[in-house]
Amino acid sequence: MILVDEAQIIYRSPSGRCWHLSGRPFEGREGVTLGTDPQNMHAAPTTLLFQEGARQIGATYTGRVVSRRDVSIEVSVRADSQFGFSTTRTEWLKDLDYHQAGWLHVWTPQTGWRTLKVRKRAEPVPFVKKNATKIKWDKYMIPLVAENPYWEGIRETSFWRNKSGLGRGTLHIRNPGVVAVHPRFTLVGPGTPWIQDGPGGPLIEFPAMQAGEVWLVDTNPRSKTIRTSTGMNLYPRMRGRKFRGSYPPGTSTPIEVRFTGNAALSSQILAVSYPRYEGWM
């Protein structure tokens, strides 16, 4: 058994190929290793907004803007042969793309896995200006950008099934992150589902479901949808009923759920959320 007690850093390309950049026992297995001092891996870039008036002393805080995150990492590419070096370098650079995003995955014993979705921000800058193939080694500065600057943690789930036949129960929405979350729900019929809208919020009624139907509900204000297994969006059938609540950071919130009408013992609701963090550790 291999005991892992140090940070693991992996880059996963848009095609799904993994490059083990740092951390034993797989560091450099594909021929690429992480250098020292990666940039902007911790706090999300934040600008505070203030309002100032002509006769005002000082300023009034009005909010903040969290911007994209520009990340820079240094990597070394090496191989035992010139052909191996050339192949590894080509494959590594090919896995960095402007149009398709990849992922930086970081694991530590204290935090578990955290993920940052990134894409190439500019062309990589080589350290060796000539004859890199001859010495079978080169070093690159890799500029990356994350449109969403927060690291995503391991998903949190809560499940309720109508085992008792009473048609009501409780889900626990846990958010150990630093940003409020909007869960996604998976509903399995039959019956009419009801879900409480955030801490202390009202119960939101859904349209009636048939036996065997599965719906995916996204409560994020930017992407509110209710998708059936065939891809149809049922949100227009909500007749104005909307989710407005969110779950604050550092909380675990019980919410009420129900299935009414022709609910069965198989009626169920699964809540899924992804906590977000400022940094990778």
Protein backbone atom coordinates (compact mmCIF):
# COMPACT_ATOMS: atom_id res chain seq x y z
CA MET A 1 0.00 0.00 0.00
CA ILE A 2 1.25 3.48 -0.92
CA LEU A 3 0.70 6.11 1.77
CA VAL A 4 0.29 9.60 0.29
CA ASP A 5 1.09 12.50 2.65
CA GLU A 6 1.89 15.38 0.30
CA ALA A 7 0.01 17.54 -2.18
CA GLN A 8 -0.90 15.95 -5.50
CA ILE A 9 -1.22 18.30 -8.49
CA ILE A 10 -2.66 16.99 -11.76
CA TYR A 11 -3.52 18.74 -15.00
CA ARG A 12 -6.37 17.09 -16.90
CA SER A 13 -6.59 18.09 -20.54
CA PRO A 14 -9.81 18.85 -22.46
CA SER A 15 -9.60 15.31 -23.87
CA GLY A 16 -9.30 13.83 -20.37
CA ARG A 17 -5.60 12.92 -20.38
CA CYS A 18 -3.92 13.36 -16.97
CA TRP A 19 -0.48 14.84 -16.38
CA HIS A 20 0.84 14.14 -12.86
CA LEU A 21 2.80 17.33 -12.26
CA SER A 22 3.62 17.07 -8.57
CA GLY A 23 3.36 14.73 -5.60
CA ARG A 24 4.62 11.23 -5.02
CA PRO A 25 4.34 8.50 -6.15
CA PHE A 26 3.27 9.52 -9.70
CA GLU A 27 5.04 12.89 -10.10
CA GLY A 28 6.40 13.27 -13.61
CA ARG A 29 5.10 9.90 -14.77
CA GLU A 30 4.19 11.39 -18.17
CA GLY A 31 7.45 13.37 -18.43
CA VAL A 32 6.25 16.77 -17.14
CA THR A 33 6.84 18.11 -13.61
CA LEU A 34 5.77 21.28 -11.83
CA GLY A 35 8.34 23.94 -11.00
CA THR A 36 8.44 26.15 -7.93
CA ASP A 37 6.14 28.99 -6.94
CA PRO A 38 3.00 28.70 -9.12
CA GLN A 39 1.32 32.11 -9.32
CA ASN A 40 -2.20 33.10 -8.18
CA MET A 41 -3.23 29.71 -6.80
CA HIS A 42 -4.61 31.12 -3.54
CA ALA A 43 -6.91 34.14 -3.11
CA ALA A 44 -9.47 34.98 -5.81
CA PRO A 45 -8.79 38.39 -7.46
CA THR A 46 -11.09 40.87 -5.74
CA THR A 47 -11.76 44.58 -6.25
CA LEU A 48 -13.73 46.55 -3.64
CA LEU A 49 -16.23 49.12 -4.90
CA PHE A 50 -16.81 52.43 -3.11
CA GLN A 51 -19.02 55.46 -3.65
CA GLU A 52 -17.69 58.93 -2.91
CA GLY A 53 -19.47 62.27 -2.80
CA ALA A 54 -18.34 65.87 -3.06
CA ARG A 55 -19.02 66.68 0.62
CA GLN A 56 -18.40 63.18 1.94
CA ILE A 57 -15.50 62.38 4.22
CA GLY A 58 -14.02 59.12 3.06
CA ALA A 59 -16.08 56.66 1.03
CA THR A 60 -19.04 54.27 1.30
CA TYR A 61 -18.46 50.61 0.56
CA THR A 62 -20.95 49.35 -2.05
CA GLY A 63 -19.74 45.85 -2.89
CA ARG A 64 -16.99 43.91 -4.58
CA VAL A 65 -16.13 42.41 -7.94
CA VAL A 66 -14.46 39.00 -8.13
CA SER A 67 -12.55 38.86 -11.41
CA ARG A 68 -11.14 36.04 -13.52
CA ARG A 69 -8.03 34.35 -12.16
CA ASP A 70 -4.79 34.51 -14.19
CA VAL A 71 -2.58 31.57 -13.22
CA SER A 72 1.03 30.94 -14.23
CA ILE A 73 2.83 27.65 -13.66
CA GLU A 74 6.36 26.61 -14.52
CA VAL A 75 6.91 23.06 -15.78
CA SER A 76 9.89 20.98 -16.85
CA VAL A 77 9.67 18.55 -19.77
CA ARG A 78 12.23 15.77 -19.92
CA ALA A 79 12.75 12.29 -21.39
CA ASP A 80 15.44 9.62 -21.76
CA SER A 81 15.71 10.00 -25.53
CA GLN A 82 15.47 12.81 -28.06
CA PHE A 83 12.48 11.15 -29.71
CA GLY A 84 10.79 10.72 -26.32
CA PHE A 85 11.41 14.35 -25.42
CA SER A 86 10.06 15.63 -28.72
CA THR A 87 6.96 13.46 -28.40
CA THR A 88 6.29 14.45 -24.78
CA ARG A 89 6.74 18.15 -25.49
CA THR A 90 4.41 18.01 -28.49
CA GLU A 91 1.70 16.14 -26.57
CA TRP A 92 1.95 18.44 -23.53
CA LEU A 93 1.67 21.63 -25.57
CA LYS A 94 -1.20 20.13 -27.58
CA ASP A 95 -3.14 19.53 -24.37
CA LEU A 96 -3.16 23.27 -23.60
CA ASP A 97 -5.93 24.97 -25.57
CA TYR A 98 -7.46 28.43 -25.95
CA HIS A 99 -10.94 27.26 -26.86
CA GLN A 100 -11.41 24.14 -24.72
CA ALA A 101 -10.80 24.21 -20.98
CA GLY A 102 -8.84 21.70 -18.95
CA TRP A 103 -8.67 21.27 -15.16
CA LEU A 104 -6.09 21.68 -12.43
CA HIS A 105 -6.77 19.12 -9.71
CA VAL A 106 -5.07 19.50 -6.33
CA TRP A 107 -5.27 17.08 -3.42
CA THR A 108 -3.95 17.61 0.09
CA PRO A 109 -4.51 15.47 3.21
CA GLN A 110 -6.23 18.44 4.87
CA THR A 111 -8.60 19.53 2.08
CA GLY A 112 -9.11 16.56 -0.21
CA TRP A 113 -9.58 17.30 -3.91
CA ARG A 114 -10.12 20.80 -5.28
CA THR A 115 -10.46 21.70 -8.95
CA LEU A 116 -9.94 24.84 -11.02
CA LYS A 117 -11.20 24.93 -14.62
CA VAL A 118 -8.54 26.62 -16.78
CA ARG A 119 -7.63 27.32 -20.39
CA LYS A 120 -4.50 28.61 -22.10
CA ARG A 121 -4.16 32.38 -21.70
CA ALA A 122 -1.11 32.94 -23.93
CA GLU A 123 1.56 30.91 -25.68
CA PRO A 124 3.92 29.01 -23.33
CA VAL A 125 7.38 30.57 -23.04
CA PRO A 126 10.34 28.13 -23.34
CA PHE A 127 13.47 28.52 -21.21
CA VAL A 128 15.86 26.84 -23.63
CA LYS A 129 16.07 28.90 -26.79
CA LYS A 130 17.76 26.23 -28.93
CA ASN A 131 18.85 22.59 -28.85
CA ALA A 132 16.25 21.56 -26.26
CA THR A 133 15.77 18.27 -28.11
CA LYS A 134 19.51 17.63 -27.99
CA ILE A 135 19.68 17.92 -24.19
CA LYS A 136 16.26 16.21 -23.80
CA TRP A 137 14.99 18.87 -21.41
CA ASP A 138 13.21 22.21 -21.43
CA LYS A 139 11.32 24.42 -19.03
CA TYR A 140 8.16 26.38 -19.87
CA MET A 141 6.18 29.16 -18.24
CA ILE A 142 2.51 28.25 -18.83
CA PRO A 143 -0.01 31.15 -18.70
CA LEU A 144 -3.53 29.94 -17.80
CA VAL A 145 -6.82 31.67 -17.03
CA ALA A 146 -9.86 30.58 -15.00
CA GLU A 147 -13.10 32.38 -15.87
CA ASN A 148 -14.55 31.17 -12.56
CA PRO A 149 -11.84 32.09 -10.05
CA TYR A 150 -13.01 29.80 -7.24
CA TRP A 151 -11.70 26.29 -6.66
CA GLU A 152 -14.45 23.69 -6.61
CA GLY A 153 -14.40 21.14 -3.79
CA ILE A 154 -15.71 17.60 -3.55
CA ARG A 155 -19.45 17.48 -4.08
CA GLU A 156 -21.81 17.42 -1.11
CA THR A 157 -24.93 15.25 -1.35
CA SER A 158 -28.08 14.59 0.65
CA PHE A 159 -30.70 11.96 -0.23
CA TRP A 160 -34.29 11.37 0.80
CA ARG A 161 -36.59 8.55 -0.26
CA ASN A 162 -40.24 8.15 0.64
CA LYS A 163 -39.62 4.90 2.52
CA SER A 164 -42.24 5.61 5.19
CA GLY A 165 -44.92 6.48 2.65
CA LEU A 166 -45.72 9.71 4.55
CA GLY A 167 -44.50 11.84 1.66
CA ARG A 168 -42.32 14.24 3.65
CA GLY A 169 -38.77 14.37 4.92
CA THR A 170 -35.61 16.44 5.34
CA LEU A 171 -32.48 17.10 3.29
CA HIS A 172 -29.32 18.60 4.77
CA ILE A 173 -27.53 21.06 2.48
CA ARG A 174 -23.92 21.34 3.67
CA ASN A 175 -21.69 24.16 2.45
CA PRO A 176 -18.16 24.09 3.91
CA GLY A 177 -16.91 26.56 1.28
CA VAL A 178 -16.52 30.35 1.28
CA VAL A 179 -19.23 31.23 -1.28
CA ALA A 180 -23.00 30.70 -1.11
CA VAL A 181 -24.21 27.67 -3.11
CA HIS A 182 -27.32 26.90 -5.14
CA PRO A 183 -27.92 23.12 -5.14
CA ARG A 184 -29.06 20.92 -7.96
CA PHE A 185 -31.80 18.39 -7.31
CA THR A 186 -32.63 15.10 -8.96
CA LEU A 187 -36.33 14.21 -8.64
CA VAL A 188 -37.74 10.73 -9.25
CA GLY A 189 -41.52 10.30 -9.53
CA PRO A 190 -44.33 9.57 -9.17
CA GLY A 191 -46.12 12.39 -7.34
CA THR A 192 -45.92 16.15 -6.94
CA PRO A 193 -42.56 17.27 -5.50
CA TRP A 194 -42.12 20.17 -3.07
CA ILE A 195 -38.73 21.60 -2.01
CA GLN A 196 -38.06 24.32 0.52
CA ASP A 197 -36.38 27.38 -1.02
CA GLY A 198 -33.29 27.89 1.12
CA PRO A 199 -32.99 28.53 4.87
CA GLY A 200 -36.39 29.59 6.20
CA GLY A 201 -37.82 29.86 2.69
CA PRO A 202 -41.22 28.72 1.39
CA LEU A 203 -41.96 25.35 -0.14
CA ILE A 204 -41.79 25.42 -3.93
CA GLU A 205 -44.32 23.20 -5.72
CA PHE A 206 -43.37 21.41 -8.95
CA PRO A 207 -45.63 20.00 -11.65
CA ALA A 208 -46.83 16.43 -11.10
CA MET A 209 -44.48 13.62 -12.14
CA GLN A 210 -45.35 10.24 -13.58
CA ALA A 211 -43.85 6.96 -12.34
CA GLY A 212 -40.33 6.47 -13.69
CA GLU A 213 -39.84 10.14 -14.64
CA VAL A 214 -36.50 11.70 -13.65
CA TRP A 215 -36.02 15.48 -13.57
CA LEU A 216 -32.81 17.47 -13.03
CA VAL A 217 -33.39 20.82 -11.30
CA ASP A 218 -30.77 23.61 -11.30
CA THR A 219 -31.56 26.41 -8.84
CA ASN A 220 -28.69 28.70 -9.83
CA PRO A 221 -30.20 32.09 -10.80
CA ARG A 222 -28.01 32.17 -13.92
CA SER A 223 -29.07 28.77 -15.20
CA LYS A 224 -32.48 27.89 -13.77
CA THR A 225 -33.73 24.77 -15.54
CA ILE A 226 -35.84 21.68 -14.97
CA ARG A 227 -34.64 19.07 -17.45
CA THR A 228 -36.42 15.82 -18.19
CA SER A 229 -34.58 12.68 -19.26
CA THR A 230 -35.39 13.64 -22.88
CA GLY A 231 -33.82 17.11 -22.49
CA MET A 232 -37.06 19.12 -22.33
CA ASN A 233 -37.00 22.20 -20.08
CA LEU A 234 -40.09 22.30 -17.88
CA TYR A 235 -39.36 25.61 -16.15
CA PRO A 236 -42.14 27.42 -18.07
CA ARG A 237 -44.61 25.04 -16.35
CA MET A 238 -43.64 26.46 -12.93
CA ARG A 239 -46.02 29.41 -13.56
CA GLY A 240 -43.75 31.99 -11.97
CA ARG A 241 -42.60 29.90 -9.01
CA LYS A 242 -38.83 30.43 -8.65
CA PHE A 243 -36.00 29.47 -6.36
CA ARG A 244 -34.46 32.59 -4.83
CA GLY A 245 -32.67 31.19 -1.78
CA SER A 246 -29.04 30.18 -1.39
CA TYR A 247 -27.03 28.43 1.31
CA PRO A 248 -24.44 30.57 3.14
CA PRO A 249 -20.81 29.48 3.48
CA GLY A 250 -19.83 27.47 6.52
CA THR A 251 -23.34 26.14 7.20
CA SER A 252 -25.33 22.92 7.20
CA THR A 253 -29.01 23.66 6.59
CA PRO A 254 -31.97 21.27 6.97
CA ILE A 255 -34.73 21.85 4.42
CA GLU A 256 -38.15 20.26 4.10
CA VAL A 257 -39.08 18.15 1.07
CA ARG A 258 -42.37 16.50 0.16
CA PHE A 259 -44.06 14.30 -2.40
CA THR A 260 -47.85 14.61 -2.56
CA GLY A 261 -50.58 13.32 -4.87
CA ASN A 262 -49.89 9.82 -6.15
CA ALA A 263 -46.49 9.57 -4.42
CA ALA A 264 -45.04 6.09 -4.02
CA LEU A 265 -42.36 4.50 -1.85
CA SER A 266 -40.00 4.94 -4.82
CA SER A 267 -40.43 8.74 -4.94
CA GLN A 268 -37.10 10.37 -4.07
CA ILE A 269 -35.02 13.55 -4.10
CA LEU A 270 -31.23 13.91 -4.28
CA ALA A 271 -29.51 17.25 -3.55
CA VAL A 272 -26.03 17.93 -4.96
CA SER A 273 -23.87 21.00 -4.38
CA TYR A 274 -20.23 21.90 -4.98
CA PRO A 275 -18.60 24.10 -2.33
CA ARG A 276 -16.15 26.70 -3.64
CA TYR A 277 -12.95 27.98 -2.09
CA GLU A 278 -10.54 30.88 -2.48
CA GLY A 279 -7.45 28.69 -2.82
CA TRP A 280 -6.30 25.16 -3.37
CA MET A 281 -5.38 24.60 0.27
